[in-house]
Amino acid sequence: MRNPAAYVYRVACNLAMDGLRGDRGYLQAGEAMLDSTPDLGPGPERIAQARSELACAIRAIEALPPRHQALLMALRVDGLTRAEAALRHGLSLRKVDTALRQALDRCAAYMEGQYRESAD
């Protein structure tokens, strides 16, 4: 053997190429597996239904009295605690709880009525 370093280098290159060729088979198998995997995301019908429900929820919130709307947004959207919302709106915790319950009840009734009307 005239140049052992060149020989070792060539063996290393060949091994690397063999490894790459083997990986290509794994990549192709992985791609085939991905192609046969069903898409579990929502389809167009579910997306349209979700958009409709969201629009109805927005209308329900907009139909609330201003104080109920403000408290609902503060507690559920802004993430305030009941105590923070009470302080911000100058209310007792009990009044915050009552207004929140009423707001949620009204929203549920509104949405239920909308879906009952659309089903008819």
PDB file of N, CA and C in Angstrom:
ATOM      1  N   MET A   1       0.860  -1.163   0.000  1.00  0.00           N
ATOM      2  CA  MET A   1       0.000   0.000   0.000  1.00  0.00           C
ATOM      3  C   MET A   1       0.905   1.224   0.000  1.00  0.00           C
ATOM      4  N   ARG A   2       0.770   2.021  -1.039  1.00  0.00           N
ATOM      5  CA  ARG A   2       1.640   3.169  -1.200  1.00  0.00           C
ATOM      6  C   ARG A   2       1.263   4.328  -0.304  1.00  0.00           C
ATOM      7  N   ASN A   3      -0.062   4.637  -0.173  1.00  0.00           N
ATOM      8  CA  ASN A   3      -0.483   5.802   0.617  1.00  0.00           C
ATOM      9  C   ASN A   3      -1.618   5.399   1.558  1.00  0.00           C
ATOM     10  N   PRO A   4      -1.284   4.998   2.794  1.00  0.00           N
ATOM     11  CA  PRO A   4      -2.313   4.534   3.725  1.00  0.00           C
ATOM     12  C   PRO A   4      -3.316   5.631   4.086  1.00  0.00           C
ATOM     13  N   ALA A   5      -2.899   6.868   4.139  1.00  0.00           N
ATOM     14  CA  ALA A   5      -3.821   7.956   4.486  1.00  0.00           C
ATOM     15  C   ALA A   5      -4.885   8.110   3.402  1.00  0.00           C
ATOM     16  N   ALA A   6      -4.467   8.008   2.134  1.00  0.00           N
ATOM     17  CA  ALA A   6      -5.424   8.108   1.032  1.00  0.00           C
ATOM     18  C   ALA A   6      -6.400   6.931   1.065  1.00  0.00           C
ATOM     19  N   TYR A   7      -5.879   5.753   1.393  1.00  0.00           N
ATOM     20  CA  TYR A   7      -6.733   4.566   1.488  1.00  0.00           C
ATOM     21  C   TYR A   7      -7.793   4.756   2.571  1.00  0.00           C
ATOM     22  N   VAL A   8      -7.378   5.198   3.748  1.00  0.00           N
ATOM     23  CA  VAL A   8      -8.323   5.414   4.857  1.00  0.00           C
ATOM     24  C   VAL A   8      -9.345   6.486   4.474  1.00  0.00           C
ATOM     25  N   TYR A   9      -8.884   7.530   3.809  1.00  0.00           N
ATOM     26  CA  TYR A   9      -9.782   8.599   3.375  1.00  0.00           C
ATOM     27  C   TYR A   9     -10.820   8.046   2.395  1.00  0.00           C
ATOM     28  N   ARG A  10     -10.378   7.225   1.450  1.00  0.00           N
ATOM     29  CA  ARG A  10     -11.286   6.660   0.441  1.00  0.00           C
ATOM     30  C   ARG A  10     -12.301   5.732   1.091  1.00  0.00           C
ATOM     31  N   VAL A  11     -11.858   4.917   2.056  1.00  0.00           N
ATOM     32  CA  VAL A  11     -12.780   4.018   2.772  1.00  0.00           C
ATOM     33  C   VAL A  11     -13.815   4.840   3.527  1.00  0.00           C
ATOM     34  N   ALA A  12     -13.378   5.919   4.176  1.00  0.00           N
ATOM     35  CA  ALA A  12     -14.304   6.783   4.921  1.00  0.00           C
ATOM     36  C   ALA A  12     -15.327   7.416   3.974  1.00  0.00           C
ATOM     37  N   CYS A  13     -14.890   7.864   2.814  1.00  0.00           N
ATOM     38  CA  CYS A  13     -15.811   8.451   1.826  1.00  0.00           C
ATOM     39  C   CYS A  13     -16.818   7.422   1.340  1.00  0.00           C
ATOM     40  N   ASN A  14     -16.344   6.223   1.066  1.00  0.00           N
ATOM     41  CA  ASN A  14     -17.245   5.158   0.614  1.00  0.00           C
ATOM     42  C   ASN A  14     -18.280   4.814   1.682  1.00  0.00           C
ATOM     43  N   LEU A  15     -17.833   4.736   2.919  1.00  0.00           N
ATOM     44  CA  LEU A  15     -18.768   4.446   4.015  1.00  0.00           C
ATOM     45  C   LEU A  15     -19.803   5.565   4.161  1.00  0.00           C
ATOM     46  N   ALA A  16     -19.348   6.801   4.020  1.00  0.00           N
ATOM     47  CA  ALA A  16     -20.274   7.933   4.110  1.00  0.00           C
ATOM     48  C   ALA A  16     -21.299   7.876   2.981  1.00  0.00           C
ATOM     49  N   MET A  17     -20.848   7.565   1.774  1.00  0.00           N
ATOM     50  CA  MET A  17     -21.768   7.467   0.636  1.00  0.00           C
ATOM     51  C   MET A  17     -22.763   6.326   0.847  1.00  0.00           C
ATOM     52  N   ASP A  18     -22.288   5.199   1.352  1.00  0.00           N
ATOM     53  CA  ASP A  18     -23.194   4.081   1.652  1.00  0.00           C
ATOM     54  C   ASP A  18     -24.239   4.496   2.681  1.00  0.00           C
ATOM     55  N   GLY A  19     -23.801   5.245   3.661  1.00  0.00           N
ATOM     56  CA  GLY A  19     -24.741   5.730   4.683  1.00  0.00           C
ATOM     57  C   GLY A  19     -25.792   6.649   4.094  1.00  0.00           C
ATOM     58  N   LEU A  20     -25.352   7.543   3.202  1.00  0.00           N
ATOM     59  CA  LEU A  20     -26.308   8.448   2.550  1.00  0.00           C
ATOM     60  C   LEU A  20     -27.296   7.691   1.675  1.00  0.00           C
ATOM     61  N   ARG A  21     -26.791   6.697   0.959  1.00  0.00           N
ATOM     62  CA  ARG A  21     -27.694   5.896   0.120  1.00  0.00           C
ATOM     63  C   ARG A  21     -28.712   5.163   0.984  1.00  0.00           C
ATOM     64  N   GLY A  22     -28.281   4.670   2.101  1.00  0.00           N
ATOM     65  CA  GLY A  22     -29.200   3.980   3.015  1.00  0.00           C
ATOM     66  C   GLY A  22     -30.231   4.938   3.597  1.00  0.00           C
ATOM     67  N   ASP A  23     -29.792   6.150   3.931  1.00  0.00           N
ATOM     68  CA  ASP A  23     -30.720   7.149   4.468  1.00  0.00           C
ATOM     69  C   ASP A  23     -31.781   7.521   3.440  1.00  0.00           C
ATOM     70  N   ARG A  24     -31.407   7.543   2.174  1.00  0.00           N
ATOM     71  CA  ARG A  24     -32.361   7.903   1.123  1.00  0.00           C
ATOM     72  C   ARG A  24     -33.525   6.916   1.123  1.00  0.00           C
ATOM     73  N   GLY A  25     -33.217   5.641   1.355  1.00  0.00           N
ATOM     74  CA  GLY A  25     -34.282   4.637   1.442  1.00  0.00           C
ATOM     75  C   GLY A  25     -35.210   4.922   2.607  1.00  0.00           C
ATOM     76  N   TYR A  26     -34.638   5.332   3.736  1.00  0.00           N
ATOM     77  CA  TYR A  26     -35.466   5.683   4.892  1.00  0.00           C
ATOM     78  C   TYR A  26     -36.325   6.902   4.593  1.00  0.00           C
ATOM     79  N   LEU A  27     -35.737   7.871   3.888  1.00  0.00           N
ATOM     80  CA  LEU A  27     -36.496   9.075   3.539  1.00  0.00           C
ATOM     81  C   LEU A  27     -37.659   8.731   2.631  1.00  0.00           C
ATOM     82  N   GLN A  28     -37.421   7.877   1.642  1.00  0.00           N
ATOM     83  CA  GLN A  28     -38.499   7.500   0.734  1.00  0.00           C
ATOM     84  C   GLN A  28     -39.584   6.733   1.474  1.00  0.00           C
ATOM     85  N   ALA A  29     -39.185   5.848   2.383  1.00  0.00           N
ATOM     86  CA  ALA A  29     -40.176   5.106   3.170  1.00  0.00           C
ATOM     87  C   ALA A  29     -40.962   6.060   4.057  1.00  0.00           C
ATOM     88  N   GLY A  30     -40.275   7.052   4.625  1.00  0.00           N
ATOM     89  CA  GLY A  30     -40.956   8.039   5.473  1.00  0.00           C
ATOM     90  C   GLY A  30     -41.943   8.872   4.679  1.00  0.00           C
ATOM     91  N   GLU A  31     -41.551   9.271   3.463  1.00  0.00           N
ATOM     92  CA  GLU A  31     -42.460  10.037   2.613  1.00  0.00           C
ATOM     93  C   GLU A  31     -43.677   9.216   2.235  1.00  0.00           C
ATOM     94  N   ALA A  32     -43.474   7.948   1.929  1.00  0.00           N
ATOM     95  CA  ALA A  32     -44.595   7.074   1.584  1.00  0.00           C
ATOM     96  C   ALA A  32     -45.539   6.925   2.780  1.00  0.00           C
ATOM     97  N   MET A  33     -44.967   6.831   3.964  1.00  0.00           N
ATOM     98  CA  MET A  33     -45.785   6.700   5.161  1.00  0.00           C
ATOM     99  C   MET A  33     -46.590   7.979   5.402  1.00  0.00           C
ATOM    100  N   LEU A  34     -45.967   9.138   5.179  1.00  0.00           N
ATOM    101  CA  LEU A  34     -46.686  10.401   5.338  1.00  0.00           C
ATOM    102  C   LEU A  34     -47.805  10.530   4.319  1.00  0.00           C
ATOM    103  N   ASP A  35     -47.563  10.055   3.096  1.00  0.00           N
ATOM    104  CA  ASP A  35     -48.597  10.128   2.065  1.00  0.00           C
ATOM    105  C   ASP A  35     -49.804   9.268   2.408  1.00  0.00           C
ATOM    106  N   SER A  36     -49.586   8.172   3.117  1.00  0.00           N
ATOM    107  CA  SER A  36     -50.699   7.279   3.440  1.00  0.00           C
ATOM    108  C   SER A  36     -51.352   7.619   4.779  1.00  0.00           C
ATOM    109  N   THR A  37     -50.811   8.589   5.501  1.00  0.00           N
ATOM    110  CA  THR A  37     -51.384   8.991   6.781  1.00  0.00           C
ATOM    111  C   THR A  37     -52.563   9.927   6.533  1.00  0.00           C
ATOM    112  N   PRO A  38     -53.724   9.622   7.123  1.00  0.00           N
ATOM    113  CA  PRO A  38     -54.884  10.493   6.884  1.00  0.00           C
ATOM    114  C   PRO A  38     -54.711  11.856   7.542  1.00  0.00           C
ATOM    115  N   ASP A  39     -55.250  12.870   6.900  1.00  0.00           N
ATOM    116  CA  ASP A  39     -55.228  14.229   7.443  1.00  0.00           C
ATOM    117  C   ASP A  39     -56.323  14.337   8.494  1.00  0.00           C
ATOM    118  N   LEU A  40     -55.941  14.543   9.734  1.00  0.00           N
ATOM    119  CA  LEU A  40     -56.905  14.606  10.829  1.00  0.00           C
ATOM    120  C   LEU A  40     -57.384  16.028  11.097  1.00  0.00           C
ATOM    121  N   GLY A  41     -56.922  16.971  10.292  1.00  0.00           N
ATOM    122  CA  GLY A  41     -57.353  18.355  10.446  1.00  0.00           C
ATOM    123  C   GLY A  41     -58.808  18.509  10.045  1.00  0.00           C
ATOM    124  N   PRO A  42     -59.403  19.606  10.448  1.00  0.00           N
ATOM    125  CA  PRO A  42     -60.817  19.813  10.109  1.00  0.00           C
ATOM    126  C   PRO A  42     -60.986  20.031   8.602  1.00  0.00           C
ATOM    127  N   GLY A  43     -62.060  19.478   8.089  1.00  0.00           N
ATOM    128  CA  GLY A  43     -62.370  19.656   6.678  1.00  0.00           C
ATOM    129  C   GLY A  43     -63.107  20.969   6.460  1.00  0.00           C
ATOM    130  N   PRO A  44     -63.429  21.285   5.225  1.00  0.00           N
ATOM    131  CA  PRO A  44     -64.099  22.547   4.907  1.00  0.00           C
ATOM    132  C   PRO A  44     -65.432  22.711   5.639  1.00  0.00           C
ATOM    133  N   GLU A  45     -66.173  21.618   5.782  1.00  0.00           N
ATOM    134  CA  GLU A  45     -67.467  21.703   6.468  1.00  0.00           C
ATOM    135  C   GLU A  45     -67.285  22.079   7.938  1.00  0.00           C
ATOM    136  N   ARG A  46     -66.325  21.454   8.600  1.00  0.00           N
ATOM    137  CA  ARG A  46     -66.075  21.751  10.020  1.00  0.00           C
ATOM    138  C   ARG A  46     -65.550  23.168  10.194  1.00  0.00           C
ATOM    139  N   ILE A  47     -64.709  23.618   9.276  1.00  0.00           N
ATOM    140  CA  ILE A  47     -64.182  24.990   9.347  1.00  0.00           C
ATOM    141  C   ILE A  47     -65.318  25.997   9.199  1.00  0.00           C
ATOM    142  N   ALA A  48     -66.214  25.754   8.242  1.00  0.00           N
ATOM    143  CA  ALA A  48     -67.359  26.653   8.040  1.00  0.00           C
ATOM    144  C   ALA A  48     -68.255  26.671   9.272  1.00  0.00           C
ATOM    145  N   GLN A  49     -68.473  25.508   9.875  1.00  0.00           N
ATOM    146  CA  GLN A  49     -69.300  25.426  11.079  1.00  0.00           C
ATOM    147  C   GLN A  49     -68.650  26.194  12.234  1.00  0.00           C
ATOM    148  N   ALA A  50     -67.351  26.048  12.399  1.00  0.00           N
ATOM    149  CA  ALA A  50     -66.647  26.746  13.476  1.00  0.00           C
ATOM    150  C   ALA A  50     -66.711  28.260  13.276  1.00  0.00           C
ATOM    151  N   ARG A  51     -66.569  28.705  12.033  1.00  0.00           N
ATOM    152  CA  ARG A  51     -66.663  30.141  11.748  1.00  0.00           C
ATOM    153  C   ARG A  51     -68.062  30.662  12.053  1.00  0.00           C
ATOM    154  N   SER A  52     -69.055  29.876  11.723  1.00  0.00           N
ATOM    155  CA  SER A  52     -70.443  30.255  11.996  1.00  0.00           C
ATOM    156  C   SER A  52     -70.682  30.352  13.504  1.00  0.00           C
ATOM    157  N   GLU A  53     -70.172  29.376  14.250  1.00  0.00           N
ATOM    158  CA  GLU A  53     -70.320  29.390  15.710  1.00  0.00           C
ATOM    159  C   GLU A  53     -69.602  30.593  16.315  1.00  0.00           C
ATOM    160  N   LEU A  54     -68.425  30.912  15.812  1.00  0.00           N
ATOM    161  CA  LEU A  54     -67.679  32.061  16.318  1.00  0.00           C
ATOM    162  C   LEU A  54     -68.436  33.356  16.040  1.00  0.00           C
ATOM    163  N   ALA A  55     -68.969  33.499  14.847  1.00  0.00           N
ATOM    164  CA  ALA A  55     -69.742  34.699  14.509  1.00  0.00           C
ATOM    165  C   ALA A  55     -70.967  34.816  15.407  1.00  0.00           C
ATOM    166  N   CYS A  56     -71.603  33.695  15.692  1.00  0.00           N
ATOM    167  CA  CYS A  56     -72.774  33.703  16.571  1.00  0.00           C
ATOM    168  C   CYS A  56     -72.372  34.087  17.996  1.00  0.00           C
ATOM    169  N   ALA A  57     -71.245  33.584  18.462  1.00  0.00           N
ATOM    170  CA  ALA A  57     -70.771  33.930  19.809  1.00  0.00           C
ATOM    171  C   ALA A  57     -70.454  35.424  19.902  1.00  0.00           C
ATOM    172  N   ILE A  58     -69.868  35.972  18.859  1.00  0.00           N
ATOM    173  CA  ILE A  58     -69.559  37.413  18.845  1.00  0.00           C
ATOM    174  C   ILE A  58     -70.846  38.223  18.895  1.00  0.00           C
ATOM    175  N   ARG A  59     -71.848  37.821  18.110  1.00  0.00           N
ATOM    176  CA  ARG A  59     -73.142  38.521  18.145  1.00  0.00           C
ATOM    177  C   ARG A  59     -73.779  38.410  19.523  1.00  0.00           C
ATOM    178  N   ALA A  60     -73.652  37.245  20.158  1.00  0.00           N
ATOM    179  CA  ALA A  60     -74.216  37.044  21.499  1.00  0.00           C
ATOM    180  C   ALA A  60     -73.552  37.983  22.501  1.00  0.00           C
ATOM    181  N   ILE A  61     -72.245  38.124  22.420  1.00  0.00           N
ATOM    182  CA  ILE A  61     -71.521  39.021  23.335  1.00  0.00           C
ATOM    183  C   ILE A  61     -71.906  40.471  23.060  1.00  0.00           C
ATOM    184  N   GLU A  62     -72.015  40.821  21.781  1.00  0.00           N
ATOM    185  CA  GLU A  62     -72.386  42.196  21.441  1.00  0.00           C
ATOM    186  C   GLU A  62     -73.807  42.542  21.884  1.00  0.00           C
ATOM    187  N   ALA A  63     -74.664  41.538  22.053  1.00  0.00           N
ATOM    188  CA  ALA A  63     -76.047  41.771  22.471  1.00  0.00           C
ATOM    189  C   ALA A  63     -76.171  41.948  23.987  1.00  0.00           C
ATOM    190  N   LEU A  64     -75.090  41.711  24.717  1.00  0.00           N
ATOM    191  CA  LEU A  64     -75.132  41.847  26.182  1.00  0.00           C
ATOM    192  C   LEU A  64     -75.194  43.315  26.592  1.00  0.00           C
ATOM    193  N   PRO A  65     -75.745  43.575  27.785  1.00  0.00           N
ATOM    194  CA  PRO A  65     -75.646  44.933  28.330  1.00  0.00           C
ATOM    195  C   PRO A  65     -74.171  45.304  28.503  1.00  0.00           C
ATOM    196  N   PRO A  66     -73.853  46.584  28.432  1.00  0.00           N
ATOM    197  CA  PRO A  66     -72.437  47.007  28.460  1.00  0.00           C
ATOM    198  C   PRO A  66     -71.643  46.475  29.658  1.00  0.00           C
ATOM    199  N   ARG A  67     -72.231  46.510  30.855  1.00  0.00           N
ATOM    200  CA  ARG A  67     -71.477  46.050  32.030  1.00  0.00           C
ATOM    201  C   ARG A  67     -71.193  44.553  31.942  1.00  0.00           C
ATOM    202  N   HIS A  68     -72.184  43.782  31.520  1.00  0.00           N
ATOM    203  CA  HIS A  68     -71.986  42.335  31.384  1.00  0.00           C
ATOM    204  C   HIS A  68     -70.926  42.040  30.320  1.00  0.00           C
ATOM    205  N   GLN A  69     -70.992  42.760  29.227  1.00  0.00           N
ATOM    206  CA  GLN A  69     -70.026  42.577  28.149  1.00  0.00           C
ATOM    207  C   GLN A  69     -68.609  42.912  28.640  1.00  0.00           C
ATOM    208  N   ALA A  70     -68.473  44.035  29.347  1.00  0.00           N
ATOM    209  CA  ALA A  70     -67.155  44.461  29.846  1.00  0.00           C
ATOM    210  C   ALA A  70     -66.588  43.450  30.835  1.00  0.00           C
ATOM    211  N   LEU A  71     -67.431  42.942  31.720  1.00  0.00           N
ATOM    212  CA  LEU A  71     -66.955  41.961  32.701  1.00  0.00           C
ATOM    213  C   LEU A  71     -66.577  40.639  32.029  1.00  0.00           C
ATOM    214  N   LEU A  72     -67.397  40.198  31.103  1.00  0.00           N
ATOM    215  CA  LEU A  72     -67.098  38.952  30.405  1.00  0.00           C
ATOM    216  C   LEU A  72     -65.765  39.062  29.660  1.00  0.00           C
ATOM    217  N   MET A  73     -65.562  40.166  28.980  1.00  0.00           N
ATOM    218  CA  MET A  73     -64.311  40.357  28.249  1.00  0.00           C
ATOM    219  C   MET A  73     -63.120  40.452  29.213  1.00  0.00           C
ATOM    220  N   ALA A  74     -63.298  41.150  30.325  1.00  0.00           N
ATOM    221  CA  ALA A  74     -62.211  41.299  31.292  1.00  0.00           C
ATOM    222  C   ALA A  74     -61.813  39.951  31.882  1.00  0.00           C
ATOM    223  N   LEU A  75     -62.808  39.132  32.190  1.00  0.00           N
ATOM    224  CA  LEU A  75     -62.531  37.857  32.845  1.00  0.00           C
ATOM    225  C   LEU A  75     -62.092  36.768  31.870  1.00  0.00           C
ATOM    226  N   ARG A  76     -62.721  36.699  30.719  1.00  0.00           N
ATOM    227  CA  ARG A  76     -62.456  35.587  29.802  1.00  0.00           C
ATOM    228  C   ARG A  76     -61.458  35.907  28.695  1.00  0.00           C
ATOM    229  N   VAL A  77     -61.360  37.166  28.310  1.00  0.00           N
ATOM    230  CA  VAL A  77     -60.443  37.519  27.225  1.00  0.00           C
ATOM    231  C   VAL A  77     -59.159  38.129  27.789  1.00  0.00           C
ATOM    232  N   ASP A  78     -59.310  39.124  28.662  1.00  0.00           N
ATOM    233  CA  ASP A  78     -58.135  39.790  29.229  1.00  0.00           C
ATOM    234  C   ASP A  78     -57.458  38.952  30.304  1.00  0.00           C
ATOM    235  N   GLY A  79     -58.170  37.959  30.836  1.00  0.00           N
ATOM    236  CA  GLY A  79     -57.585  37.062  31.830  1.00  0.00           C
ATOM    237  C   GLY A  79     -57.474  37.643  33.231  1.00  0.00           C
ATOM    238  N   LEU A  80     -58.296  38.650  33.526  1.00  0.00           N
ATOM    239  CA  LEU A  80     -58.273  39.222  34.869  1.00  0.00           C
ATOM    240  C   LEU A  80     -58.877  38.237  35.868  1.00  0.00           C
ATOM    241  N   THR A  81     -58.430  38.341  37.109  1.00  0.00           N
ATOM    242  CA  THR A  81     -59.060  37.559  38.164  1.00  0.00           C
ATOM    243  C   THR A  81     -60.367  38.249  38.541  1.00  0.00           C
ATOM    244  N   ARG A  82     -61.204  37.561  39.291  1.00  0.00           N
ATOM    245  CA  ARG A  82     -62.460  38.162  39.737  1.00  0.00           C
ATOM    246  C   ARG A  82     -62.187  39.401  40.575  1.00  0.00           C
ATOM    247  N   ALA A  83     -61.173  39.336  41.425  1.00  0.00           N
ATOM    248  CA  ALA A  83     -60.846  40.479  42.288  1.00  0.00           C
ATOM    249  C   ALA A  83     -60.366  41.669  41.446  1.00  0.00           C
ATOM    250  N   GLU A  84     -59.546  41.401  40.421  1.00  0.00           N
ATOM    251  CA  GLU A  84     -59.076  42.479  39.557  1.00  0.00           C
ATOM    252  C   GLU A  84     -60.223  43.109  38.772  1.00  0.00           C
ATOM    253  N   ALA A  85     -61.132  42.279  38.290  1.00  0.00           N
ATOM    254  CA  ALA A  85     -62.286  42.797  37.547  1.00  0.00           C
ATOM    255  C   ALA A  85     -63.186  43.610  38.467  1.00  0.00           C
ATOM    256  N   ALA A  86     -63.364  43.141  39.690  1.00  0.00           N
ATOM    257  CA  ALA A  86     -64.191  43.870  40.653  1.00  0.00           C
ATOM    258  C   ALA A  86     -63.585  45.241  40.935  1.00  0.00           C
ATOM    259  N   LEU A  87     -62.284  45.274  41.119  1.00  0.00           N
ATOM    260  CA  LEU A  87     -61.599  46.535  41.381  1.00  0.00           C
ATOM    261  C   LEU A  87     -61.687  47.470  40.166  1.00  0.00           C
ATOM    262  N   ARG A  88     -61.449  46.928  38.995  1.00  0.00           N
ATOM    263  CA  ARG A  88     -61.485  47.734  37.773  1.00  0.00           C
ATOM    264  C   ARG A  88     -62.867  48.351  37.537  1.00  0.00           C
ATOM    265  N   HIS A  89     -63.926  47.594  37.836  1.00  0.00           N
ATOM    266  CA  HIS A  89     -65.286  48.060  37.543  1.00  0.00           C
ATOM    267  C   HIS A  89     -66.020  48.596  38.772  1.00  0.00           C
ATOM    268  N   GLY A  90     -65.339  48.645  39.900  1.00  0.00           N
ATOM    269  CA  GLY A  90     -65.945  49.192  41.114  1.00  0.00           C
ATOM    270  C   GLY A  90     -67.111  48.370  41.632  1.00  0.00           C
ATOM    271  N   LEU A  91     -66.973  47.054  41.581  1.00  0.00           N
ATOM    272  CA  LEU A  91     -68.049  46.147  42.005  1.00  0.00           C
ATOM    273  C   LEU A  91     -67.546  45.217  43.094  1.00  0.00           C
ATOM    274  N   SER A  92     -68.482  44.619  43.805  1.00  0.00           N
ATOM    275  CA  SER A  92     -68.116  43.584  44.769  1.00  0.00           C
ATOM    276  C   SER A  92     -67.889  42.273  44.015  1.00  0.00           C
ATOM    277  N   LEU A  93     -67.208  41.352  44.675  1.00  0.00           N
ATOM    278  CA  LEU A  93     -66.997  40.037  44.060  1.00  0.00           C
ATOM    279  C   LEU A  93     -68.326  39.354  43.760  1.00  0.00           C
ATOM    280  N   ARG A  94     -69.269  39.518  44.649  1.00  0.00           N
ATOM    281  CA  ARG A  94     -70.583  38.901  44.464  1.00  0.00           C
ATOM    282  C   ARG A  94     -71.255  39.450  43.200  1.00  0.00           C
ATOM    283  N   LYS A  95     -71.179  40.768  42.988  1.00  0.00           N
ATOM    284  CA  LYS A  95     -71.788  41.367  41.795  1.00  0.00           C
ATOM    285  C   LYS A  95     -71.052  40.912  40.526  1.00  0.00           C
ATOM    286  N   VAL A  96     -69.748  40.750  40.623  1.00  0.00           N
ATOM    287  CA  VAL A  96     -68.988  40.242  39.477  1.00  0.00           C
ATOM    288  C   VAL A  96     -69.447  38.826  39.138  1.00  0.00           C
ATOM    289  N   ASP A  97     -69.563  37.979  40.157  1.00  0.00           N
ATOM    290  CA  ASP A  97     -70.008  36.603  39.938  1.00  0.00           C
ATOM    291  C   ASP A  97     -71.415  36.561  39.338  1.00  0.00           C
ATOM    292  N   THR A  98     -72.301  37.384  39.854  1.00  0.00           N
ATOM    293  CA  THR A  98     -73.673  37.424  39.351  1.00  0.00           C
ATOM    294  C   THR A  98     -73.704  37.899  37.902  1.00  0.00           C
ATOM    295  N   ALA A  99     -72.981  38.959  37.604  1.00  0.00           N
ATOM    296  CA  ALA A  99     -72.964  39.490  36.240  1.00  0.00           C
ATOM    297  C   ALA A  99     -72.341  38.482  35.270  1.00  0.00           C
ATOM    298  N   LEU A 100     -71.300  37.788  35.692  1.00  0.00           N
ATOM    299  CA  LEU A 100     -70.671  36.790  34.831  1.00  0.00           C
ATOM    300  C   LEU A 100     -71.645  35.647  34.547  1.00  0.00           C
ATOM    301  N   ARG A 101     -72.302  35.162  35.586  1.00  0.00           N
ATOM    302  CA  ARG A 101     -73.274  34.079  35.402  1.00  0.00           C
ATOM    303  C   ARG A 101     -74.377  34.512  34.448  1.00  0.00           C
ATOM    304  N   GLN A 102     -74.898  35.732  34.643  1.00  0.00           N
ATOM    305  CA  GLN A 102     -75.954  36.241  33.770  1.00  0.00           C
ATOM    306  C   GLN A 102     -75.460  36.384  32.327  1.00  0.00           C
ATOM    307  N   ALA A 103     -74.256  36.874  32.163  1.00  0.00           N
ATOM    308  CA  ALA A 103     -73.692  37.048  30.815  1.00  0.00           C
ATOM    309  C   ALA A 103     -73.556  35.699  30.116  1.00  0.00           C
ATOM    310  N   LEU A 104     -73.027  34.712  30.824  1.00  0.00           N
ATOM    311  CA  LEU A 104     -72.854  33.388  30.223  1.00  0.00           C
ATOM    312  C   LEU A 104     -74.204  32.749  29.911  1.00  0.00           C
ATOM    313  N   ASP A 105     -75.168  32.912  30.812  1.00  0.00           N
ATOM    314  CA  ASP A 105     -76.511  32.374  30.573  1.00  0.00           C
ATOM    315  C   ASP A 105     -77.145  33.022  29.351  1.00  0.00           C
ATOM    316  N   ARG A 106     -76.999  34.337  29.231  1.00  0.00           N
ATOM    317  CA  ARG A 106     -77.586  35.054  28.085  1.00  0.00           C
ATOM    318  C   ARG A 106     -76.914  34.642  26.779  1.00  0.00           C
ATOM    319  N   CYS A 107     -75.603  34.498  26.813  1.00  0.00           N
ATOM    320  CA  CYS A 107     -74.893  34.069  25.607  1.00  0.00           C
ATOM    321  C   CYS A 107     -75.337  32.659  25.186  1.00  0.00           C
ATOM    322  N   ALA A 108     -75.441  31.771  26.147  1.00  0.00           N
ATOM    323  CA  ALA A 108     -75.870  30.402  25.848  1.00  0.00           C
ATOM    324  C   ALA A 108     -77.283  30.399  25.272  1.00  0.00           C
ATOM    325  N   ALA A 109     -78.171  31.170  25.876  1.00  0.00           N
ATOM    326  CA  ALA A 109     -79.557  31.233  25.389  1.00  0.00           C
ATOM    327  C   ALA A 109     -79.602  31.832  23.986  1.00  0.00           C
ATOM    328  N   TYR A 110     -78.819  32.871  23.754  1.00  0.00           N
ATOM    329  CA  TYR A 110     -78.784  33.510  22.438  1.00  0.00           C
ATOM    330  C   TYR A 110     -78.318  32.508  21.383  1.00  0.00           C
ATOM    331  N   MET A 111     -77.222  31.817  21.678  1.00  0.00           N
ATOM    332  CA  MET A 111     -76.663  30.880  20.708  1.00  0.00           C
ATOM    333  C   MET A 111     -77.605  29.702  20.482  1.00  0.00           C
ATOM    334  N   GLU A 112     -78.226  29.237  21.535  1.00  0.00           N
ATOM    335  CA  GLU A 112     -79.189  28.146  21.412  1.00  0.00           C
ATOM    336  C   GLU A 112     -80.354  28.567  20.525  1.00  0.00           C
ATOM    337  N   GLY A 113     -80.844  29.777  20.727  1.00  0.00           N
ATOM    338  CA  GLY A 113     -81.935  30.303  19.909  1.00  0.00           C
ATOM    339  C   GLY A 113     -81.531  30.446  18.453  1.00  0.00           C
ATOM    340  N   GLN A 114     -80.319  30.898  18.197  1.00  0.00           N
ATOM    341  CA  GLN A 114     -79.845  31.060  16.825  1.00  0.00           C
ATOM    342  C   GLN A 114     -79.759  29.715  16.115  1.00  0.00           C
ATOM    343  N   TYR A 115     -79.267  28.703  16.812  1.00  0.00           N
ATOM    344  CA  TYR A 115     -79.129  27.402  16.180  1.00  0.00           C
ATOM    345  C   TYR A 115     -80.481  26.726  16.030  1.00  0.00           C
ATOM    346  N   ARG A 116     -81.380  26.981  16.929  1.00  0.00           N
ATOM    347  CA  ARG A 116     -82.723  26.413  16.799  1.00  0.00           C
ATOM    348  C   ARG A 116     -83.403  27.025  15.572  1.00  0.00           C
ATOM    349  N   GLU A 117     -83.224  28.351  15.378  1.00  0.00           N
ATOM    350  CA  GLU A 117     -83.828  29.033  14.224  1.00  0.00           C
ATOM    351  C   GLU A 117     -83.214  28.537  12.907  1.00  0.00           C
ATOM    352  N   SER A 118     -81.892  28.318  12.908  1.00  0.00           N
ATOM    353  CA  SER A 118     -81.235  27.888  11.678  1.00  0.00           C
ATOM    354  C   SER A 118     -81.574  26.433  11.337  1.00  0.00           C
ATOM    355  N   ALA A 119     -81.964  25.651  12.340  1.00  0.00           N
ATOM    356  CA  ALA A 119     -82.319  24.253  12.098  1.00  0.00           C
ATOM    357  C   ALA A 119     -83.726  24.147  11.521  1.00  0.00           C
ATOM    358  N   ASP A 120     -84.558  25.146  11.771  1.00  0.00           N
ATOM    359  CA  ASP A 120     -85.949  25.114  11.275  1.00  0.00           C
ATOM    360  C   ASP A 120     -86.059  25.385   9.819  1.00  0.00           C
TER     361      ASP A 120
END
